N, C-alpha and C. Protein backbone atom coordinates (compact mmCIF):
# COMPACT_ATOMS: atom_id res chain seq x y z
N MET A 1 34.21 6.91 -78.59
CA MET A 1 33.44 6.02 -77.54
C MET A 1 34.65 5.38 -76.61
N CYS A 2 34.58 5.59 -75.15
CA CYS A 2 35.50 4.83 -74.48
C CYS A 2 34.88 3.23 -74.05
N SER A 3 36.02 2.52 -73.60
CA SER A 3 35.60 1.37 -73.22
C SER A 3 34.29 1.15 -72.34
N SER A 4 33.89 1.80 -71.40
CA SER A 4 32.78 1.85 -70.47
C SER A 4 31.47 1.88 -71.39
N ASP A 5 31.67 2.80 -72.31
CA ASP A 5 30.53 3.03 -73.31
C ASP A 5 30.30 1.81 -73.95
N LEU A 6 31.29 1.05 -74.42
CA LEU A 6 31.19 0.04 -75.33
C LEU A 6 30.78 -1.22 -74.38
N ALA A 7 31.19 -1.13 -73.00
CA ALA A 7 30.52 -2.24 -72.35
C ALA A 7 28.98 -2.20 -72.03
N ALA A 8 28.62 -0.85 -71.76
CA ALA A 8 27.20 -0.76 -71.54
C ALA A 8 26.33 -1.05 -72.86
N LEU A 9 26.84 -0.77 -73.93
CA LEU A 9 26.14 -1.02 -75.12
C LEU A 9 26.09 -2.58 -75.26
N ALA A 10 27.25 -3.26 -74.75
CA ALA A 10 27.32 -4.72 -74.80
C ALA A 10 26.09 -5.36 -73.76
N VAL A 11 25.72 -4.56 -72.71
CA VAL A 11 25.10 -5.15 -71.48
C VAL A 11 23.69 -5.09 -72.24
N LEU A 12 23.27 -4.02 -72.87
CA LEU A 12 22.13 -3.77 -73.43
C LEU A 12 21.77 -4.71 -74.65
N GLU A 13 22.86 -5.27 -75.40
CA GLU A 13 22.65 -6.22 -76.40
C GLU A 13 22.39 -7.56 -75.89
N LEU A 14 23.06 -7.95 -74.58
CA LEU A 14 23.03 -9.27 -74.18
C LEU A 14 21.86 -9.29 -72.90
N VAL A 15 22.00 -8.49 -72.01
CA VAL A 15 20.89 -8.71 -71.20
C VAL A 15 20.24 -7.33 -70.70
N PRO A 16 19.47 -6.86 -71.61
CA PRO A 16 18.88 -5.51 -71.31
C PRO A 16 18.22 -5.48 -70.03
N GLU A 17 17.72 -6.41 -69.43
CA GLU A 17 16.77 -6.50 -68.28
C GLU A 17 17.68 -6.23 -67.21
N ARG A 18 18.97 -5.94 -67.22
CA ARG A 18 19.69 -5.63 -66.00
C ARG A 18 19.61 -3.93 -65.30
N GLY A 19 18.98 -3.22 -66.44
CA GLY A 19 18.71 -1.91 -66.06
C GLY A 19 17.89 -1.79 -65.00
N GLU A 20 17.59 -0.54 -64.30
CA GLU A 20 16.73 -0.17 -63.36
C GLU A 20 15.49 0.45 -64.16
N PRO A 21 14.31 -0.09 -63.64
CA PRO A 21 13.08 0.56 -64.10
C PRO A 21 13.16 2.21 -63.94
N LEU A 22 12.73 2.94 -64.78
CA LEU A 22 12.68 4.46 -64.93
C LEU A 22 11.54 5.03 -63.86
N ASN A 23 10.49 4.13 -63.70
CA ASN A 23 9.54 4.37 -62.84
C ASN A 23 9.35 3.12 -61.88
N ALA A 24 9.78 3.15 -60.70
CA ALA A 24 9.71 2.03 -59.71
C ALA A 24 8.21 1.76 -59.41
N ALA A 25 7.27 2.52 -59.47
CA ALA A 25 5.98 2.19 -59.37
C ALA A 25 5.35 1.58 -60.45
N ASN A 26 6.11 1.53 -61.60
CA ASN A 26 5.66 0.62 -62.99
C ASN A 26 6.82 -0.19 -63.32
N PRO A 27 7.45 -1.13 -62.50
CA PRO A 27 8.59 -1.73 -63.04
C PRO A 27 8.54 -2.43 -64.38
N ASP A 28 7.18 -2.88 -64.94
CA ASP A 28 6.96 -3.62 -66.17
C ASP A 28 6.70 -2.52 -67.34
N GLY A 29 7.05 -1.19 -66.93
CA GLY A 29 6.48 -0.23 -67.89
C GLY A 29 7.28 -0.20 -69.36
N GLY A 30 8.65 -0.87 -69.24
CA GLY A 30 9.46 -0.97 -70.35
C GLY A 30 10.36 0.02 -70.59
N VAL A 31 10.57 1.02 -69.73
CA VAL A 31 11.71 2.16 -69.71
C VAL A 31 12.50 2.04 -68.53
N TYR A 32 13.80 1.71 -69.22
CA TYR A 32 14.87 1.39 -68.08
C TYR A 32 15.93 2.41 -68.19
N GLN A 33 16.85 2.37 -67.13
CA GLN A 33 18.12 3.20 -66.92
C GLN A 33 19.31 2.33 -66.68
N LEU A 34 20.48 2.63 -67.29
CA LEU A 34 21.74 1.75 -67.10
C LEU A 34 22.83 2.76 -66.74
N PRO A 35 23.26 3.01 -65.73
CA PRO A 35 24.43 3.63 -65.58
C PRO A 35 25.72 3.08 -66.02
N PHE A 36 26.72 3.78 -66.47
CA PHE A 36 27.93 3.18 -66.96
C PHE A 36 29.05 4.32 -66.60
N GLY A 37 30.12 4.00 -66.97
CA GLY A 37 31.40 4.87 -66.68
C GLY A 37 31.55 5.27 -65.18
N SER A 38 31.35 4.41 -64.33
CA SER A 38 31.44 4.83 -62.67
C SER A 38 30.46 5.71 -62.28
N GLY A 39 29.48 5.64 -62.84
CA GLY A 39 28.38 6.60 -62.48
C GLY A 39 28.27 7.80 -63.38
N CYS A 40 29.25 8.08 -64.28
CA CYS A 40 29.18 9.31 -64.98
C CYS A 40 28.47 9.44 -66.06
N GLY A 41 27.82 8.14 -66.38
CA GLY A 41 26.82 8.09 -67.69
C GLY A 41 25.78 7.53 -67.47
N LEU A 42 24.55 7.61 -68.28
CA LEU A 42 23.30 7.11 -67.83
C LEU A 42 22.45 6.85 -69.23
N ILE A 43 22.37 5.53 -69.43
CA ILE A 43 21.60 5.32 -70.89
C ILE A 43 20.22 5.06 -70.17
N THR A 44 19.15 5.62 -71.01
CA THR A 44 17.93 5.44 -70.67
C THR A 44 17.27 4.94 -71.94
N TYR A 45 16.52 3.85 -71.74
CA TYR A 45 16.15 2.95 -73.12
C TYR A 45 14.77 2.38 -72.98
N LEU A 46 14.20 2.01 -74.15
CA LEU A 46 12.98 1.16 -74.16
C LEU A 46 13.15 0.01 -74.35
N LEU A 47 12.65 -1.12 -73.71
CA LEU A 47 12.95 -2.64 -74.04
C LEU A 47 11.67 -3.09 -74.37
N LEU A 48 11.48 -3.55 -75.72
CA LEU A 48 10.47 -4.19 -76.17
C LEU A 48 10.67 -5.84 -76.38
N ALA A 49 10.50 -6.41 -75.24
CA ALA A 49 11.06 -7.81 -75.10
C ALA A 49 10.36 -8.75 -76.13
N ASP A 50 8.95 -8.72 -76.30
CA ASP A 50 8.32 -9.46 -77.32
C ASP A 50 8.91 -9.26 -78.65
N GLN A 51 9.44 -8.14 -79.11
CA GLN A 51 10.08 -7.73 -80.25
C GLN A 51 11.65 -7.99 -80.53
N ASP A 52 12.13 -8.37 -79.05
CA ASP A 52 13.55 -8.56 -79.14
C ASP A 52 14.41 -7.61 -79.43
N ARG A 53 13.84 -6.21 -78.94
CA ARG A 53 14.08 -4.83 -79.48
C ARG A 53 14.58 -4.00 -78.08
N VAL A 54 15.76 -3.34 -78.28
CA VAL A 54 16.05 -2.04 -77.35
C VAL A 54 16.21 -0.83 -78.28
N ASP A 55 15.56 0.19 -77.93
CA ASP A 55 15.69 1.51 -78.35
C ASP A 55 16.37 2.55 -77.39
N VAL A 56 17.36 3.18 -77.77
CA VAL A 56 18.04 3.83 -76.69
C VAL A 56 17.55 5.21 -77.06
N LEU A 57 16.90 5.75 -75.92
CA LEU A 57 16.06 6.94 -76.08
C LEU A 57 16.86 8.31 -75.60
N LEU A 58 17.92 7.89 -74.58
CA LEU A 58 18.78 9.20 -74.06
C LEU A 58 20.11 8.51 -73.82
N VAL A 59 21.16 9.26 -73.98
CA VAL A 59 22.36 8.95 -73.39
C VAL A 59 22.80 10.41 -72.80
N THR A 60 23.42 10.17 -71.50
CA THR A 60 23.78 11.53 -70.55
C THR A 60 24.83 11.24 -69.95
N TRP A 61 26.06 11.98 -70.30
CA TRP A 61 27.44 12.02 -69.66
C TRP A 61 27.51 13.15 -68.90
N LEU A 62 28.03 12.91 -67.80
CA LEU A 62 28.17 13.88 -66.52
C LEU A 62 29.77 14.22 -66.73
N ASP A 63 30.07 15.83 -66.84
CA ASP A 63 31.56 16.11 -66.75
C ASP A 63 31.94 17.01 -65.29
N PHE A 64 32.52 16.55 -64.52
CA PHE A 64 32.86 17.36 -63.35
C PHE A 64 34.17 17.98 -63.45
N ASP A 65 34.81 17.80 -64.47
CA ASP A 65 36.01 18.87 -64.56
C ASP A 65 35.62 20.32 -64.67
N GLU A 66 36.47 21.13 -63.93
CA GLU A 66 36.28 22.35 -63.95
C GLU A 66 36.67 23.04 -65.13
N HIS A 67 35.87 24.01 -65.62
CA HIS A 67 36.44 24.71 -66.92
C HIS A 67 36.44 26.23 -66.67
N PRO A 68 37.61 26.62 -67.11
CA PRO A 68 37.92 28.22 -66.78
C PRO A 68 36.84 28.98 -67.53
N ASP A 69 36.31 29.98 -67.08
CA ASP A 69 35.26 30.90 -67.89
C ASP A 69 36.15 31.71 -69.02
């Protein structure tokens, strides 16, 4: 893990409400996304505020480096 990964996990631990709702039409739906790593990563998570719980559903990293075939 790099430092931006750890920072994103710290945000989820301390203030999980900082993420953007996955569905703007249902902002209280409980599923959020938090970009990290200068926009090269995205954490999708479920916030269960009444249980003081965050479940990470998906972590996506983008790699824009060209790779030879």
